[in-house]
Amino acid sequence: MNAKNIMALVLLPLMGMLTACSSDNEQTAGNRVPITLTASTLNVVETRAAADTALNKGYMETGQTIKVRVSKAGADTWTGYNYTTGANGVLTAPVTPPFYPIDGSNVDIVAFYPALDGNDFSVSADQTTDDGYLDSDLMFASVSGQAKSSTAVPLQFEHKMAKIIVNATAGSGVTQIQSITLQGIYRQVSFDLTTGDVSLVKNTRSTVTLANNNTTNKVCGAALIPAQTLSGELLTIVTDQGTATYTIDGKNFAAGNAYTLNIRVGRTAINAENAITDWADNSTVSVGSGYVDGDAKVFKVTKNGITLSFTMIYVEGGPYTTLGGQTVTGSLTDYFIAQTEVTNALYSLIVGSVPSQHTNKTGTYPVDNVTYAAAKSFATSLTTQLSDQLDGMVFKLPSDAQFEYAARGGKRRENYTYAGSNTIGNIAWYKDNSSVPQPVAQKNPNSLGLYDMTGNLWEWCLDNYSTIAANANLGVDYVYNSGSDNLLRCGAYSMEASRTTVTERLLFSSTNASVGFRIVLQ
């Protein structure tokens, strides 16, 4: 079915309900016969959430009222009749259905849905229910100069509205899609009951709600709106983590066309401006499809009858201009970085024991007292253990650039002092609030969903500190091979706030109870 054009409806008067005057024998002579309207069946219910490019899929819900207006041809004096849709294509006709004029002249017929009382038509502001959605679907059909005939009169309904379908899925860091609304919509038009013409949209812009009060991670909704051009903010999606807004630049939404959006709403979309592009008539646009900053891979490790999982967060690569508090020019390719520091539980499962100096050496406490060599060895062992899941990628320690780039929020390049905030107590364990390492992921994450990128434990990076400090290629994503000291990042529970910033570095060649690590996958 062409989404832009037509929906054909069967309007068959129930012949048992037709009553002729007892003195009128001209009806049986064929001078005055009922006007019978025909087309396809109406036995399927269309729902708001149907992710289909057809505007209405050719169906109408049962129990809806269609207005049919009949006039002697050219007379422009109309009589209205209401038909009610029923199951399996059966329609209930009015008690007195329309007839051809007794003088045998032709007729003009118009029909529309919904059955309007006046010339103003407004779509519902709340289309979260089928009633609000269906009542917003203005359709019109007409037949001019129809001659009296024993055959049925076909009506073909043309849609006067545009349809917007939104399929929203929770991405990384988001659990629930709670509501979906269209912003800045003109909801009213003038509708000519005789010609079917629709005026330019009028009155003020307002909000149309597609979905509300949800507690799921995937929500589908659809709305019907008058044809109009929208610029700026278009869509608002409220999640359990906050609100994501989506903007569009001067897009014309044409009558009879359907527009589908597949949106993946991750943490990085919250409180950000997200652009929608390449949205053609009767087309589908995907926003945040594939891996986007903050998306995750979850790996499971099984060994000796024990299974543990850990999460790697996708970081979209890109350029950067500062590193370690210095002005540099560098660029990174895409990679994944561990959502948390490596825990005692995971380290023990892979290595067989833990080197941690602190009393609690199990569970979600980060492994500490790890040497640079031991951290690299862990990454190698993990790669071997999970090789069938990695598609040729390998685990390793993050480079200096990868660590800071992720701590700053990836391509968003946040200018926070600490990883995700200017208020250290919200995101970090440091000297003023802890005297020992704490379980991972207890403080707030940064915008990529990464925990403890500031504080808790110093973390090993691949790079050599002394060479980095002197090398003209500072910031390039590769490992420096000279010098005896390796690089630590992010500060620890034992450090004051000034030593836990996103630029903080430390050269180190041994280990102690404040040193741990996390891994990257590339």
Protein backbone atom coordinates (compact mmCIF):
# COMPACT_ATOMS: atom_id res chain seq x y z
CA MET A 1 0.00 0.00 0.00
CA ASN A 2 1.26 3.46 -0.85
CA ALA A 3 1.76 5.29 2.44
CA LYS A 4 1.04 8.63 0.87
CA ASN A 5 -2.18 8.06 -0.91
CA ILE A 6 -5.20 6.10 -0.11
CA MET A 7 -7.17 4.09 2.32
CA ALA A 8 -10.23 2.46 0.80
CA LEU A 9 -13.22 1.83 3.04
CA VAL A 10 -16.30 -0.32 2.63
CA LEU A 11 -19.41 1.62 3.53
CA LEU A 12 -22.18 -0.90 2.98
CA PRO A 13 -25.60 0.16 4.34
CA LEU A 14 -27.37 -2.65 6.10
CA MET A 15 -30.26 -3.30 3.74
CA GLY A 16 -32.46 -4.64 6.51
CA MET A 17 -32.44 -1.17 8.06
CA LEU A 18 -33.69 0.64 4.94
CA THR A 19 -37.37 1.65 5.08
CA ALA A 20 -39.30 2.97 2.08
CA CYS A 21 -42.58 4.80 2.24
CA SER A 22 -45.47 2.39 1.64
CA SER A 23 -46.81 4.65 -1.06
CA ASP A 24 -43.45 4.98 -2.83
CA ASN A 25 -43.41 2.33 -5.54
CA GLU A 26 -40.94 4.36 -7.60
CA GLN A 27 -38.07 2.97 -5.55
CA THR A 28 -38.59 -0.53 -6.84
CA ALA A 29 -38.83 0.84 -10.35
CA GLY A 30 -35.28 2.07 -10.05
CA ASN A 31 -36.06 5.77 -9.93
CA ARG A 32 -34.88 6.06 -6.32
CA VAL A 33 -32.27 3.64 -5.05
CA PRO A 34 -29.91 3.70 -2.05
CA ILE A 35 -26.42 5.09 -2.50
CA THR A 36 -24.20 2.10 -1.70
CA LEU A 37 -20.56 2.85 -0.82
CA THR A 38 -17.97 0.08 -1.15
CA ALA A 39 -14.31 -0.82 -0.79
CA SER A 40 -12.03 -3.17 1.20
CA THR A 41 -12.69 -4.73 4.59
CA LEU A 42 -12.02 -3.10 7.95
CA ASN A 43 -11.09 -6.01 10.15
CA VAL A 44 -7.64 -5.07 11.47
CA VAL A 45 -6.91 -2.60 14.24
CA GLU A 46 -3.99 -0.20 13.68
CA THR A 47 -2.06 0.75 16.80
CA ARG A 48 0.03 3.82 17.57
CA ALA A 49 3.19 1.79 18.08
CA ALA A 50 3.16 -0.02 14.74
CA ALA A 51 6.61 0.58 13.26
CA ASP A 52 5.36 0.69 9.70
CA THR A 53 5.95 3.27 7.00
CA ALA A 54 2.31 3.11 5.90
CA LEU A 55 0.40 5.96 7.46
CA ASN A 56 -2.50 3.86 8.63
CA LYS A 57 -1.87 0.52 6.96
CA GLY A 58 -5.28 0.67 5.26
CA TYR A 59 -7.26 -0.17 8.36
CA MET A 60 -9.56 1.56 10.77
CA GLU A 61 -10.43 0.57 14.30
CA THR A 62 -13.92 -0.71 14.97
CA GLY A 63 -16.48 1.60 16.57
CA GLN A 64 -15.30 4.73 14.74
CA THR A 65 -17.68 7.20 13.11
CA ILE A 66 -17.35 8.26 9.48
CA LYS A 67 -19.28 11.27 8.23
CA VAL A 68 -20.77 10.98 4.72
CA ARG A 69 -22.28 14.10 3.11
CA VAL A 70 -24.43 13.92 -0.02
CA SER A 71 -25.63 16.71 -2.31
CA LYS A 72 -27.48 16.88 -5.61
CA ALA A 73 -24.69 17.40 -8.12
CA GLY A 74 -23.56 21.01 -8.18
CA ALA A 75 -26.20 22.11 -5.68
CA ASP A 76 -23.77 22.47 -2.74
CA THR A 77 -26.59 21.72 -0.29
CA TRP A 78 -25.43 18.86 1.85
CA THR A 79 -27.12 16.27 4.05
CA GLY A 80 -24.94 14.44 6.56
CA TYR A 81 -25.04 10.73 7.50
CA ASN A 82 -22.98 8.93 10.15
CA TYR A 83 -21.64 5.40 9.57
CA THR A 84 -20.03 3.34 12.32
CA THR A 85 -17.22 0.88 11.60
CA GLY A 86 -17.59 -2.67 12.88
CA ALA A 87 -15.69 -5.94 12.94
CA ASN A 88 -14.87 -7.83 9.73
CA GLY A 89 -15.83 -4.96 7.47
CA VAL A 90 -19.43 -4.70 8.65
CA LEU A 91 -20.61 -1.11 8.96
CA THR A 92 -23.69 0.18 10.67
CA ALA A 93 -25.60 2.61 8.44
CA PRO A 94 -27.86 5.38 9.75
CA VAL A 95 -31.57 4.56 10.10
CA THR A 96 -32.23 6.74 7.05
CA PRO A 97 -29.37 6.14 4.58
CA PRO A 98 -28.69 8.37 1.57
CA PHE A 99 -30.67 7.89 -1.67
CA TYR A 100 -30.21 9.18 -5.18
CA PRO A 101 -32.63 12.04 -5.93
CA ILE A 102 -36.01 10.86 -7.10
CA ASP A 103 -35.61 12.89 -10.28
CA GLY A 104 -32.67 10.70 -11.26
CA SER A 105 -30.04 13.45 -11.16
CA ASN A 106 -26.42 12.78 -10.23
CA VAL A 107 -24.96 13.31 -6.76
CA ASP A 108 -21.79 14.65 -5.17
CA ILE A 109 -20.47 12.67 -2.19
CA VAL A 110 -17.84 13.61 0.37
CA ALA A 111 -16.75 11.61 3.41
CA PHE A 112 -14.29 12.21 6.22
CA TYR A 113 -12.96 10.74 9.41
CA PRO A 114 -13.27 11.70 12.21
CA ALA A 115 -16.87 12.95 11.88
CA LEU A 116 -16.44 16.69 12.51
CA ASP A 117 -19.02 19.17 13.75
CA GLY A 118 -17.20 22.23 12.40
CA ASN A 119 -14.44 23.38 10.10
CA ASP A 120 -11.65 23.54 12.71
CA PHE A 121 -9.70 20.35 13.27
CA SER A 122 -7.24 19.87 16.14
CA VAL A 123 -5.14 16.82 16.79
CA SER A 124 -4.99 15.51 20.32
CA ALA A 125 -2.22 16.79 22.59
CA ASP A 126 -2.09 13.36 24.23
CA GLN A 127 -1.87 10.49 21.79
CA THR A 128 -0.73 7.89 24.31
CA THR A 129 -4.05 6.06 23.89
CA ASP A 130 -5.62 4.74 20.70
CA ASP A 131 -8.55 7.11 21.16
CA GLY A 132 -6.31 10.18 21.10
CA TYR A 133 -4.31 8.79 18.21
CA LEU A 134 -7.22 7.75 15.97
CA ASP A 135 -9.15 10.96 16.56
CA SER A 136 -6.10 12.83 15.24
CA ASP A 137 -6.13 11.08 11.88
CA LEU A 138 -7.99 13.40 9.51
CA MET A 139 -8.95 11.67 6.22
CA PHE A 140 -11.11 12.77 3.30
CA ALA A 141 -12.73 11.21 0.22
CA SER A 142 -14.96 12.63 -2.54
CA VAL A 143 -16.95 11.56 -5.59
CA SER A 144 -18.34 14.20 -7.98
CA GLY A 145 -21.36 13.82 -10.28
CA GLN A 146 -21.97 10.18 -9.46
CA ALA A 147 -24.75 8.81 -11.70
CA LYS A 148 -27.46 6.58 -10.33
CA SER A 149 -26.33 3.00 -10.64
CA SER A 150 -27.00 -0.39 -9.22
CA THR A 151 -23.25 -0.76 -8.56
CA ALA A 152 -21.49 0.55 -5.49
CA VAL A 153 -19.74 3.93 -5.28
CA PRO A 154 -16.03 3.50 -4.32
CA LEU A 155 -14.60 5.93 -1.79
CA GLN A 156 -10.85 6.41 -1.54
CA PHE A 157 -9.67 8.24 1.57
CA GLU A 158 -6.62 10.49 1.46
CA HIS A 159 -4.73 11.26 4.64
CA LYS A 160 -4.46 14.91 5.61
CA MET A 161 -2.05 14.29 8.50
CA ALA A 162 1.63 13.38 8.77
CA LYS A 163 2.67 10.48 10.98
CA ILE A 164 5.73 10.38 13.25
CA ILE A 165 6.78 7.00 14.66
CA VAL A 166 9.41 6.80 17.43
CA ASN A 167 11.05 3.59 18.59
CA ALA A 168 13.16 4.51 21.63
CA THR A 169 15.54 2.02 23.25
CA ALA A 170 17.57 2.48 26.43
CA GLY A 171 21.33 2.56 25.76
CA SER A 172 24.32 2.45 28.09
CA GLY A 173 23.68 3.90 31.54
CA VAL A 174 19.92 4.22 30.96
CA THR A 175 17.43 1.70 32.35
CA GLN A 176 13.99 3.09 31.50
CA ILE A 177 12.44 5.15 28.71
CA GLN A 178 9.67 6.87 30.63
CA SER A 179 8.04 9.29 28.16
CA ILE A 180 8.28 10.60 24.59
CA THR A 181 6.94 13.99 23.51
CA LEU A 182 6.99 16.06 20.33
CA GLN A 183 7.81 19.70 20.96
CA GLY A 184 6.60 22.87 19.22
CA ILE A 185 3.79 21.27 17.20
CA TYR A 186 1.05 23.30 15.54
CA ARG A 187 -2.00 21.19 16.29
CA GLN A 188 -4.87 23.00 14.52
CA VAL A 189 -5.93 23.56 10.91
CA SER A 190 -9.07 24.76 9.12
CA PHE A 191 -10.69 21.92 7.19
CA ASP A 192 -13.11 22.48 4.31
CA LEU A 193 -15.88 19.89 4.69
CA THR A 194 -16.77 20.14 1.01
CA THR A 195 -13.42 20.16 -0.77
CA GLY A 196 -11.24 18.51 1.86
CA ASP A 197 -8.74 21.35 1.66
CA VAL A 198 -6.65 21.93 4.77
CA SER A 199 -5.36 25.38 5.63
CA LEU A 200 -1.96 26.34 6.92
CA VAL A 201 -1.41 25.34 10.51
CA LYS A 202 -2.49 27.98 13.02
CA ASN A 203 -2.69 29.01 16.67
CA THR A 204 0.22 28.39 19.02
CA ARG A 205 2.76 25.61 19.19
CA SER A 206 2.36 23.03 21.92
CA THR A 207 3.42 19.53 22.98
CA VAL A 208 2.10 16.21 21.68
CA THR A 209 2.71 13.19 23.91
CA LEU A 210 3.46 9.85 22.25
CA ALA A 211 4.19 7.75 25.33
CA ASN A 212 4.06 8.33 29.06
CA ASN A 213 4.43 6.61 32.45
CA ASN A 214 6.54 3.72 31.14
CA THR A 215 8.90 1.54 33.17
CA THR A 216 10.51 -0.42 30.34
CA ASN A 217 13.75 -0.15 28.37
CA LYS A 218 12.05 0.02 24.98
CA VAL A 219 9.09 2.23 24.13
CA CYS A 220 7.33 2.65 20.79
CA GLY A 221 4.89 5.44 20.07
CA ALA A 222 3.37 7.30 17.16
CA ALA A 223 1.57 10.61 16.66
CA LEU A 224 -0.39 12.24 13.86
CA ILE A 225 0.17 15.94 13.29
CA PRO A 226 -0.91 18.51 10.68
CA ALA A 227 1.54 19.06 7.82
CA GLN A 228 4.11 21.66 8.91
CA THR A 229 7.78 22.62 8.90
CA LEU A 230 9.66 22.16 12.16
CA SER A 231 12.99 23.69 13.15
CA GLY A 232 14.96 23.41 16.37
CA GLU A 233 13.89 21.15 19.19
CA LEU A 234 11.61 18.35 17.99
CA LEU A 235 11.67 15.45 20.40
CA THR A 236 12.07 15.03 24.15
CA ILE A 237 12.67 11.61 25.70
CA VAL A 238 12.61 11.37 29.50
CA THR A 239 14.54 8.50 31.05
CA ASP A 240 15.34 7.36 34.55
CA GLN A 241 18.68 9.19 34.16
CA GLY A 242 17.33 12.50 32.82
CA THR A 243 16.08 14.06 29.60
CA ALA A 244 17.44 13.73 26.06
CA THR A 245 16.37 16.28 23.43
CA TYR A 246 16.63 15.91 19.67
CA THR A 247 16.66 18.77 17.19
CA ILE A 248 15.96 19.05 13.48
CA ASP A 249 16.73 21.85 11.07
CA GLY A 250 13.83 23.04 8.88
CA LYS A 251 12.25 19.68 8.05
CA ASN A 252 8.88 19.72 6.25
CA PHE A 253 6.48 17.04 7.44
CA ALA A 254 4.07 16.48 4.54
CA ALA A 255 0.51 15.21 4.70
CA GLY A 256 0.15 11.52 3.93
CA ASN A 257 3.76 10.69 4.75
CA ALA A 258 5.15 8.63 7.61
CA TYR A 259 8.46 9.38 9.35
CA THR A 260 10.12 6.74 11.53
CA LEU A 261 12.84 7.34 14.13
CA ASN A 262 14.84 4.56 15.75
CA ILE A 263 16.60 6.16 18.72
CA ARG A 264 19.03 4.62 21.17
CA VAL A 265 19.17 6.83 24.25
CA GLY A 266 22.40 6.37 26.20
CA ARG A 267 23.80 8.34 29.11
CA THR A 268 25.72 10.63 26.79
CA ALA A 269 22.47 11.77 25.15
CA ILE A 270 21.15 13.07 28.48
CA ASN A 271 21.25 16.86 28.90
CA ALA A 272 22.82 17.17 25.45
CA GLU A 273 21.64 18.46 22.09
CA ASN A 274 21.25 15.57 19.67
CA ALA A 275 20.72 16.32 15.98
CA ILE A 276 18.45 14.39 13.60
CA THR A 277 19.52 14.47 9.95
CA ASP A 278 18.71 12.77 6.62
CA TRP A 279 15.02 12.33 7.38
CA ALA A 280 13.31 12.04 3.98
CA ASP A 281 9.63 11.47 3.27
CA ASN A 282 8.52 7.95 4.21
CA SER A 283 11.98 7.14 5.53
CA THR A 284 13.58 5.83 8.70
CA VAL A 285 16.39 7.56 10.59
CA SER A 286 18.46 5.82 13.26
CA VAL A 287 20.05 7.99 15.94
CA GLY A 288 22.71 6.43 18.16
CA SER A 289 22.67 3.18 16.20
CA GLY A 290 25.68 0.90 16.41
CA TYR A 291 28.23 1.77 19.08
CA VAL A 292 28.10 5.29 20.42
CA ASP A 293 30.02 6.83 23.30
CA GLY A 294 28.85 5.13 26.47
CA ASP A 295 27.62 1.90 24.85
CA ALA A 296 28.83 -1.26 26.53
CA LYS A 297 30.10 -4.77 25.95
CA VAL A 298 29.53 -7.17 28.84
CA PHE A 299 31.93 -10.11 29.09
CA LYS A 300 31.54 -13.24 31.19
CA VAL A 301 34.51 -15.21 32.48
CA THR A 302 34.00 -18.79 33.64
CA LYS A 303 36.78 -20.68 35.37
CA ASN A 304 36.81 -23.47 37.94
CA GLY A 305 33.02 -23.42 38.06
CA ILE A 306 32.87 -19.71 38.86
CA THR A 307 31.38 -17.14 36.47
CA LEU A 308 31.99 -13.39 36.72
CA SER A 309 31.01 -10.57 34.38
CA PHE A 310 32.59 -7.19 33.71
CA THR A 311 31.65 -4.26 31.48
CA MET A 312 33.69 -2.47 28.83
CA ILE A 313 32.47 0.99 27.73
CA TYR A 314 32.81 2.09 24.12
CA VAL A 315 34.75 5.32 23.53
CA GLU A 316 34.55 6.91 20.11
CA GLY A 317 38.00 8.14 19.18
CA GLY A 318 38.87 11.63 18.00
CA PRO A 319 41.33 14.50 18.34
CA TYR A 320 42.44 16.19 21.53
CA THR A 321 44.56 19.23 22.23
CA THR A 322 45.66 18.82 25.84
CA LEU A 323 47.17 15.99 27.82
CA GLY A 324 48.56 15.97 31.34
CA GLY A 325 48.00 19.71 31.60
CA GLN A 326 50.13 20.41 28.51
CA THR A 327 49.13 21.67 25.08
CA VAL A 328 49.46 18.82 22.57
CA THR A 329 48.01 17.63 19.30
CA GLY A 330 46.91 14.02 19.10
CA SER A 331 44.16 11.72 17.92
CA LEU A 332 42.78 8.40 19.10
CA THR A 333 41.03 5.56 17.30
CA ASP A 334 37.95 3.94 18.85
CA TYR A 335 38.38 1.67 21.84
CA PHE A 336 36.62 0.15 24.86
CA ILE A 337 37.67 0.88 28.44
CA ALA A 338 36.68 -0.96 31.60
CA GLN A 339 33.79 0.63 33.45
CA THR A 340 35.59 0.06 36.76
CA GLU A 341 38.99 -0.75 38.12
CA VAL A 342 39.81 -4.47 38.04
CA THR A 343 38.35 -6.04 41.17
CA ASN A 344 39.89 -8.53 43.55
CA ALA A 345 37.26 -11.09 42.48
CA LEU A 346 38.11 -10.86 38.76
CA TYR A 347 41.86 -10.72 39.33
CA SER A 348 41.71 -13.78 41.58
CA LEU A 349 39.65 -15.74 39.04
CA ILE A 350 42.20 -15.11 36.27
CA VAL A 351 45.47 -15.20 38.25
CA GLY A 352 44.57 -17.49 41.14
CA SER A 353 45.45 -15.10 43.99
CA VAL A 354 45.48 -11.40 44.78
CA PRO A 355 48.40 -9.17 45.86
CA SER A 356 46.18 -6.71 47.73
CA GLN A 357 47.48 -5.39 51.05
CA HIS A 358 44.11 -4.39 52.48
CA THR A 359 41.99 -6.60 54.73
CA ASN A 360 39.15 -7.07 52.25
CA LYS A 361 40.70 -8.89 49.29
CA THR A 362 37.48 -10.16 47.70
CA GLY A 363 34.37 -9.01 45.94
CA THR A 364 34.09 -5.59 44.32
CA TYR A 365 37.03 -4.00 46.11
CA PRO A 366 39.66 -3.02 43.53
CA VAL A 367 42.80 -5.11 43.44
CA ASP A 368 45.72 -3.08 44.86
CA ASN A 369 49.49 -3.47 45.26
CA VAL A 370 49.73 -4.56 41.61
CA THR A 371 52.99 -4.13 39.72
CA TYR A 372 53.09 -2.76 36.19
CA ALA A 373 54.26 -6.15 34.90
CA ALA A 374 51.50 -8.00 36.78
CA ALA A 375 48.83 -5.67 35.36
CA LYS A 376 50.08 -6.26 31.80
CA SER A 377 50.20 -10.00 32.43
CA PHE A 378 46.60 -9.98 33.66
CA ALA A 379 45.45 -8.30 30.42
CA THR A 380 47.30 -10.91 28.35
CA SER A 381 45.79 -13.78 30.33
CA LEU A 382 42.31 -12.33 30.02
CA THR A 383 42.74 -12.02 26.25
CA THR A 384 43.67 -15.71 26.08
CA GLN A 385 40.74 -16.70 28.27
CA LEU A 386 38.18 -14.78 26.19
CA SER A 387 39.78 -14.99 22.73
CA ASP A 388 36.65 -16.53 21.18
CA GLN A 389 34.64 -13.43 22.18
CA LEU A 390 37.06 -10.71 21.05
CA ASP A 391 36.97 -10.77 17.23
CA GLY A 392 40.73 -10.32 17.10
CA MET A 393 40.87 -7.48 19.65
CA VAL A 394 43.08 -7.67 22.74
CA PHE A 395 42.98 -6.41 26.31
CA LYS A 396 45.81 -4.18 27.45
CA LEU A 397 46.53 -1.28 29.79
CA PRO A 398 45.24 2.10 28.59
CA SER A 399 47.69 4.52 27.08
CA ASP A 400 48.15 7.86 28.79
CA ALA A 401 46.02 9.51 26.11
CA GLN A 402 43.27 6.87 26.24
CA PHE A 403 42.96 7.25 30.00
CA GLU A 404 42.64 11.04 30.06
CA TYR A 405 40.44 11.16 26.95
CA ALA A 406 37.94 8.77 28.59
CA ALA A 407 38.17 10.52 31.96
CA ARG A 408 37.19 13.79 30.25
CA GLY A 409 34.14 12.22 28.58
CA GLY A 410 35.52 11.25 25.17
CA LYS A 411 34.51 13.42 22.22
CA ARG A 412 32.41 15.64 24.49
CA ARG A 413 35.67 16.84 26.06
CA GLU A 414 34.27 17.99 29.38
CA ASN A 415 36.25 20.69 31.12
CA TYR A 416 35.77 19.34 34.61
CA THR A 417 38.61 19.38 37.12
CA TYR A 418 37.83 15.79 38.06
CA ALA A 419 36.44 12.91 35.98
CA GLY A 420 32.80 13.94 35.57
CA SER A 421 32.45 16.82 38.00
CA ASN A 422 34.01 19.89 39.56
CA THR A 423 32.85 18.59 42.96
CA ILE A 424 35.26 15.87 43.93
CA GLY A 425 33.15 14.38 46.72
CA ASN A 426 30.47 13.37 44.22
CA ILE A 427 32.72 11.21 42.09
CA ALA A 428 35.84 10.21 44.04
CA TRP A 429 37.31 8.59 47.10
CA TYR A 430 40.26 10.71 48.24
CA LYS A 431 42.09 11.81 51.38
CA ASP A 432 39.18 13.78 52.88
CA ASN A 433 36.56 11.01 52.70
CA SER A 434 38.44 7.70 52.89
CA SER A 435 41.53 6.11 54.42
CA VAL A 436 41.33 2.84 52.44
CA PRO A 437 40.22 1.76 48.95
CA GLN A 438 36.47 1.44 48.56
CA PRO A 439 34.36 -0.98 46.46
CA VAL A 440 34.20 0.11 42.84
CA ALA A 441 31.27 2.08 41.39
CA GLN A 442 30.06 3.61 44.67
CA LYS A 443 30.41 7.23 43.57
CA ASN A 444 28.81 8.88 40.52
CA PRO A 445 30.23 7.98 37.09
CA ASN A 446 31.34 10.43 34.45
CA SER A 447 29.29 11.05 31.31
CA LEU A 448 30.57 7.87 29.65
CA GLY A 449 29.43 5.79 32.61
CA LEU A 450 32.98 5.24 33.92
CA TYR A 451 33.54 4.96 37.67
CA ASP A 452 36.53 5.98 39.81
CA MET A 453 38.47 7.62 36.98
CA THR A 454 39.39 10.05 39.74
CA GLY A 455 40.62 8.71 43.08
CA ASN A 456 40.23 5.33 44.84
CA LEU A 457 43.46 3.84 43.37
CA TRP A 458 46.23 5.13 41.15
CA GLU A 459 45.97 3.27 37.83
CA TRP A 460 48.73 2.00 35.58
CA CYS A 461 49.05 3.23 31.98
CA LEU A 462 51.25 1.66 29.29
CA ASP A 463 53.34 4.76 28.70
CA ASN A 464 56.74 5.53 30.12
CA TYR A 465 56.60 8.72 32.19
CA SER A 466 60.08 10.16 31.65
CA THR A 467 59.93 9.75 27.87
CA ILE A 468 56.44 11.26 27.72
CA ALA A 469 57.59 14.33 29.61
CA ALA A 470 60.36 15.01 27.10
CA ASN A 471 59.12 13.57 23.83
CA ALA A 472 57.98 15.94 21.07
CA ASN A 473 55.24 13.46 20.10
CA LEU A 474 53.53 13.82 23.44
CA GLY A 475 49.98 12.53 23.26
CA VAL A 476 50.25 10.17 20.30
CA ASP A 477 48.54 6.85 21.04
CA TYR A 478 51.45 4.42 21.29
CA VAL A 479 53.74 3.04 23.99
CA TYR A 480 57.07 4.74 24.74
CA ASN A 481 59.79 2.16 25.23
CA SER A 482 62.61 3.92 27.08
CA GLY A 483 63.11 4.87 30.69
CA SER A 484 62.60 2.88 33.88
CA ASP A 485 59.51 4.47 35.38
CA ASN A 486 55.96 3.86 34.22
CA LEU A 487 52.93 6.10 34.41
CA LEU A 488 50.17 6.22 36.99
CA ARG A 489 46.99 8.25 36.58
CA CYS A 490 44.05 9.72 38.53
CA GLY A 491 45.22 9.86 42.16
CA ALA A 492 44.08 7.66 45.03
CA TYR A 493 42.21 7.47 48.34
CA SER A 494 45.42 8.64 50.04
CA MET A 495 45.81 11.83 47.98
CA GLU A 496 44.52 15.35 48.50
CA ALA A 497 42.09 16.80 45.96
CA SER A 498 44.78 18.67 44.06
CA ARG A 499 46.48 15.34 43.27
CA THR A 500 43.39 13.63 41.83
CA THR A 501 42.57 15.81 38.82
CA VAL A 502 42.12 14.55 35.23
CA THR A 503 45.58 15.92 34.39
CA GLU A 504 47.44 14.32 37.33
CA ARG A 505 50.36 12.01 36.52
CA LEU A 506 52.83 10.11 38.67
CA LEU A 507 56.00 8.23 37.70
CA PHE A 508 56.46 4.95 39.54
CA SER A 509 58.58 1.82 39.26
CA SER A 510 57.33 -0.32 42.15
CA THR A 511 53.93 -0.78 43.76
CA ASN A 512 52.04 -0.17 47.00
CA ALA A 513 48.57 -0.39 48.51
CA SER A 514 47.30 2.62 46.56
CA VAL A 515 48.07 1.27 43.06
CA GLY A 516 45.60 -0.66 40.87
CA PHE A 517 44.57 -0.63 37.21
CA ARG A 518 41.82 -0.98 34.62
CA ILE A 519 42.01 -2.36 31.10
CA VAL A 520 41.11 -1.32 27.57
CA LEU A 521 40.03 -3.44 24.59
CA GLN A 522 41.18 -2.55 21.10
